[in-house]
N, C-alpha and C. Protein backbone atom coordinates (compact mmCIF):
# COMPACT_ATOMS: atom_id res chain seq x y z
N GLN A 1 -3.42 7.16 -3.29
CA GLN A 1 -4.33 6.45 -3.94
C GLN A 1 -3.98 4.86 -3.83
N TYR A 2 -4.96 4.15 -3.40
CA TYR A 2 -4.77 2.64 -3.40
C TYR A 2 -4.85 2.06 -4.79
N ILE A 3 -3.92 1.43 -5.35
CA ILE A 3 -3.97 0.85 -6.73
C ILE A 3 -4.37 -0.84 -6.49
N LYS A 4 -5.53 -0.93 -6.91
CA LYS A 4 -5.99 -2.65 -6.76
C LYS A 4 -6.30 -3.25 -8.07
N ASN A 5 -6.18 -2.50 -9.05
CA ASN A 5 -6.46 -3.29 -10.32
C ASN A 5 -5.32 -3.80 -11.03
N ILE A 6 -4.23 -4.21 -9.96
CA ILE A 6 -3.12 -4.97 -10.52
C ILE A 6 -2.95 -6.16 -9.66
N GLU A 7 -2.12 -6.95 -9.99
CA GLU A 7 -2.03 -8.14 -9.04
C GLU A 7 -1.33 -8.03 -7.82
N HIS A 8 -0.34 -7.00 -7.70
CA HIS A 8 0.25 -6.65 -6.41
C HIS A 8 -0.22 -5.33 -6.14
N GLY A 9 -1.46 -5.16 -5.73
CA GLY A 9 -1.99 -3.73 -5.43
C GLY A 9 -1.30 -3.04 -4.28
N TYR A 10 -1.28 -1.91 -3.97
CA TYR A 10 -0.42 -1.16 -3.02
C TYR A 10 -0.93 0.25 -3.03
N GLN A 11 -0.59 1.16 -2.00
CA GLN A 11 -0.77 2.60 -1.83
C GLN A 11 0.27 3.18 -2.79
N CYS A 12 -0.01 3.79 -3.67
CA CYS A 12 1.16 4.77 -4.70
C CYS A 12 1.16 6.16 -3.71
N ASP A 13 2.53 6.62 -4.04
CA ASP A 13 2.83 7.96 -3.47
C ASP A 13 2.01 9.01 -4.24
N ILE A 14 2.02 9.06 -5.30
CA ILE A 14 1.28 10.54 -6.11
C ILE A 14 0.57 9.65 -7.17
N TRP A 15 -0.61 10.06 -7.36
CA TRP A 15 -1.40 9.57 -8.65
C TRP A 15 -1.74 10.93 -9.10
N ILE A 16 -1.65 11.15 -10.57
CA ILE A 16 -2.45 12.24 -11.22
C ILE A 16 -3.33 11.63 -12.27
N PRO A 17 -4.50 11.41 -11.95
CA PRO A 17 -5.46 10.93 -12.73
C PRO A 17 -5.55 11.70 -14.16
N ALA A 18 -5.41 12.88 -14.22
CA ALA A 18 -5.64 13.55 -15.62
C ALA A 18 -4.51 13.04 -16.41
N MET A 19 -3.38 12.68 -16.00
CA MET A 19 -2.32 12.30 -16.90
C MET A 19 -2.20 10.61 -16.85
N ASN A 20 -2.80 10.06 -16.15
CA ASN A 20 -2.71 8.78 -15.72
C ASN A 20 -1.26 8.31 -15.51
N LEU A 21 -0.88 9.21 -14.50
CA LEU A 21 0.48 9.21 -14.09
C LEU A 21 0.76 8.72 -12.58
N ILE A 22 1.64 7.87 -12.30
CA ILE A 22 1.81 7.83 -10.86
C ILE A 22 3.48 7.90 -10.72
N ILE A 23 3.88 8.67 -9.60
CA ILE A 23 5.06 9.11 -9.29
C ILE A 23 5.42 8.41 -7.86
N GLU A 24 6.44 7.50 -8.00
CA GLU A 24 6.86 6.75 -6.60
C GLU A 24 8.08 7.38 -6.12
N CYS A 25 8.09 7.86 -4.99
CA CYS A 25 9.38 8.31 -4.37
C CYS A 25 9.93 7.38 -3.22
N ASP A 26 11.02 6.96 -3.91
CA ASP A 26 11.41 5.66 -3.23
C ASP A 26 12.47 5.87 -1.94
N GLY A 27 12.00 5.85 -0.70
CA GLY A 27 13.06 6.10 0.18
C GLY A 27 14.12 5.31 0.27
N ILE A 28 15.47 5.53 0.78
CA ILE A 28 16.60 4.84 0.67
C ILE A 28 16.31 3.68 1.61
N TYR A 29 15.92 3.93 2.70
CA TYR A 29 16.01 2.97 3.77
C TYR A 29 15.31 1.60 3.42
N TRP A 30 14.05 1.76 3.07
CA TRP A 30 13.38 0.70 2.41
C TRP A 30 13.67 0.06 1.31
N HIS A 31 14.10 0.98 0.27
CA HIS A 31 14.49 0.26 -1.16
C HIS A 31 15.81 -0.03 -1.45
N LYS A 32 16.76 -0.29 -0.19
CA LYS A 32 17.98 -0.59 -0.50
C LYS A 32 18.14 -2.19 -0.32
N TYR A 33 16.87 -2.77 0.11
CA TYR A 33 16.86 -4.49 0.04
C TYR A 33 16.40 -4.81 -1.12
N PRO A 34 17.19 -5.92 -2.14
CA PRO A 34 16.74 -6.42 -3.06
C PRO A 34 15.37 -6.79 -3.40
N GLU A 35 14.80 -7.37 -2.20
CA GLU A 35 13.51 -7.80 -2.26
C GLU A 35 12.55 -6.62 -2.59
N ARG A 36 12.82 -5.43 -2.09
CA ARG A 36 11.86 -4.36 -2.34
C ARG A 36 12.03 -3.83 -3.73
N THR A 37 13.25 -3.70 -4.32
CA THR A 37 13.51 -3.47 -5.54
C THR A 37 12.77 -4.29 -6.45
N ASP A 38 12.82 -5.63 -6.23
CA ASP A 38 12.09 -6.60 -6.97
C ASP A 38 10.76 -6.44 -7.11
N ILE A 39 9.93 -6.12 -6.06
CA ILE A 39 8.66 -5.83 -5.89
C ILE A 39 8.16 -4.63 -6.45
N ASP A 40 9.14 -3.56 -6.45
CA ASP A 40 9.04 -2.22 -7.17
C ASP A 40 8.91 -2.56 -8.67
N ASN A 41 9.84 -3.33 -9.01
CA ASN A 41 10.03 -3.70 -10.72
C ASN A 41 8.74 -4.38 -11.14
N ILE A 42 8.21 -5.43 -10.28
CA ILE A 42 7.09 -6.32 -10.56
C ILE A 42 5.94 -5.03 -10.85
N ARG A 43 5.59 -4.43 -9.72
CA ARG A 43 4.38 -3.39 -9.74
C ARG A 43 4.60 -2.28 -10.88
N THR A 44 5.76 -1.66 -11.29
CA THR A 44 5.72 -0.87 -12.25
C THR A 44 5.44 -1.62 -13.52
N GLN A 45 6.03 -2.75 -13.87
CA GLN A 45 5.55 -3.57 -15.05
C GLN A 45 4.14 -3.59 -15.18
N GLU A 46 3.38 -3.89 -14.01
CA GLU A 46 1.94 -4.34 -13.80
C GLU A 46 1.38 -2.97 -14.12
N LEU A 47 1.74 -2.08 -13.71
CA LEU A 47 1.12 -0.53 -13.88
C LEU A 47 1.10 -0.03 -15.30
N ILE A 48 2.23 -0.34 -15.84
CA ILE A 48 2.46 -0.19 -17.31
C ILE A 48 1.53 -0.84 -18.15
N GLU A 49 1.46 -2.18 -18.08
CA GLU A 49 0.73 -3.09 -18.68
C GLU A 49 -0.72 -2.67 -18.44
N LYS A 50 -1.22 -2.08 -17.52
CA LYS A 50 -2.58 -1.55 -17.34
C LYS A 50 -2.85 -0.14 -17.79
N GLY A 51 -1.62 0.41 -18.42
CA GLY A 51 -1.87 1.88 -19.13
C GLY A 51 -1.33 2.87 -18.28
N PHE A 52 -0.97 2.74 -17.03
CA PHE A 52 -0.43 3.77 -16.41
C PHE A 52 0.97 4.29 -16.80
N LYS A 53 1.41 5.45 -16.71
CA LYS A 53 2.78 5.95 -16.73
C LYS A 53 3.28 5.98 -15.56
N VAL A 54 4.51 5.58 -15.23
CA VAL A 54 5.35 5.51 -14.00
C VAL A 54 6.53 6.18 -13.89
N LEU A 55 6.71 7.21 -12.98
CA LEU A 55 8.02 7.78 -12.83
C LEU A 55 8.49 7.38 -11.33
N ARG A 56 9.62 6.80 -11.31
CA ARG A 56 10.01 6.38 -10.10
C ARG A 56 11.40 7.34 -9.83
N LEU A 57 11.43 7.71 -8.46
CA LEU A 57 12.43 8.78 -8.05
C LEU A 57 12.96 8.28 -6.98
N LEU A 58 14.24 8.18 -6.60
CA LEU A 58 15.20 7.75 -5.37
C LEU A 58 15.10 9.07 -4.58
N GLU A 59 14.87 8.69 -3.30
CA GLU A 59 15.04 9.86 -2.20
C GLU A 59 16.31 10.76 -2.41
N ASN A 60 17.65 10.19 -2.55
CA ASN A 60 18.67 10.94 -2.67
C ASN A 60 18.58 11.97 -3.89
N GLU A 61 18.00 11.33 -4.90
CA GLU A 61 17.73 12.00 -6.35
C GLU A 61 16.96 13.09 -6.34
N ILE A 62 15.87 13.13 -5.54
CA ILE A 62 14.62 14.12 -5.10
C ILE A 62 15.36 15.08 -4.60
N ARG A 63 16.24 15.02 -3.51
CA ARG A 63 16.68 16.11 -2.72
C ARG A 63 17.65 17.10 -3.40
N ILE A 64 18.50 16.63 -4.56
CA ILE A 64 19.22 17.53 -5.21
C ILE A 64 18.75 17.95 -6.60
N MET A 65 17.40 17.25 -6.82
CA MET A 65 16.95 17.29 -8.22
C MET A 65 16.22 19.00 -8.13
N SER A 66 16.65 19.64 -9.43
CA SER A 66 16.13 21.10 -9.70
C SER A 66 14.97 20.59 -10.57
N LEU A 67 14.06 21.67 -10.71
CA LEU A 67 12.73 21.75 -11.55
C LEU A 67 13.10 21.31 -12.79
N GLN A 68 14.34 21.65 -13.63
CA GLN A 68 14.38 21.50 -14.86
C GLN A 68 14.66 19.79 -14.96
N GLU A 69 15.44 19.38 -14.12
CA GLU A 69 15.83 17.70 -14.20
C GLU A 69 14.42 17.03 -13.96
N PHE A 70 13.49 17.59 -13.03
CA PHE A 70 12.35 16.93 -12.73
C PHE A 70 11.40 16.92 -13.93
N ASP A 71 11.40 18.08 -14.71
CA ASP A 71 10.71 18.25 -15.82
C ASP A 71 11.07 17.31 -17.14
N LYS A 72 12.41 17.15 -17.13
CA LYS A 72 13.20 16.12 -18.06
C LYS A 72 12.62 14.76 -17.89
N LYS A 73 12.79 14.44 -16.55
CA LYS A 73 12.43 13.07 -16.09
C LYS A 73 10.92 12.92 -16.61
N LEU A 74 10.12 13.69 -16.23
CA LEU A 74 8.64 13.68 -16.36
C LEU A 74 8.42 13.36 -17.75
N LYS A 75 9.04 14.31 -18.57
CA LYS A 75 8.71 14.16 -20.19
C LYS A 75 9.24 12.87 -20.68
N GLU A 76 10.20 12.00 -20.06
CA GLU A 76 10.57 11.03 -20.46
C GLU A 76 9.43 9.75 -20.40
N VAL A 77 8.45 9.83 -19.33
CA VAL A 77 7.65 8.86 -19.06
C VAL A 77 6.21 9.33 -19.87
N ILE A 78 6.04 10.64 -20.00
CA ILE A 78 4.63 10.80 -20.48
C ILE A 78 5.00 11.30 -22.09
């Protein structure tokens, strides 16, 4: 889903409208650069200010994450 109602609009990875939840799956290659992390932090803050819930997960974290761990992280943001 393209998120355009924030200053730094972009195509999010997963949007669950019923929960107003955005899940970002940050790949290691692109997100190892500080400027990428900076814009991610800016977008996350803008989304939260607009009422979205945001869950950011790193690629290496996703690969080893159990369903229970994912559920715990999800409950932390909703």
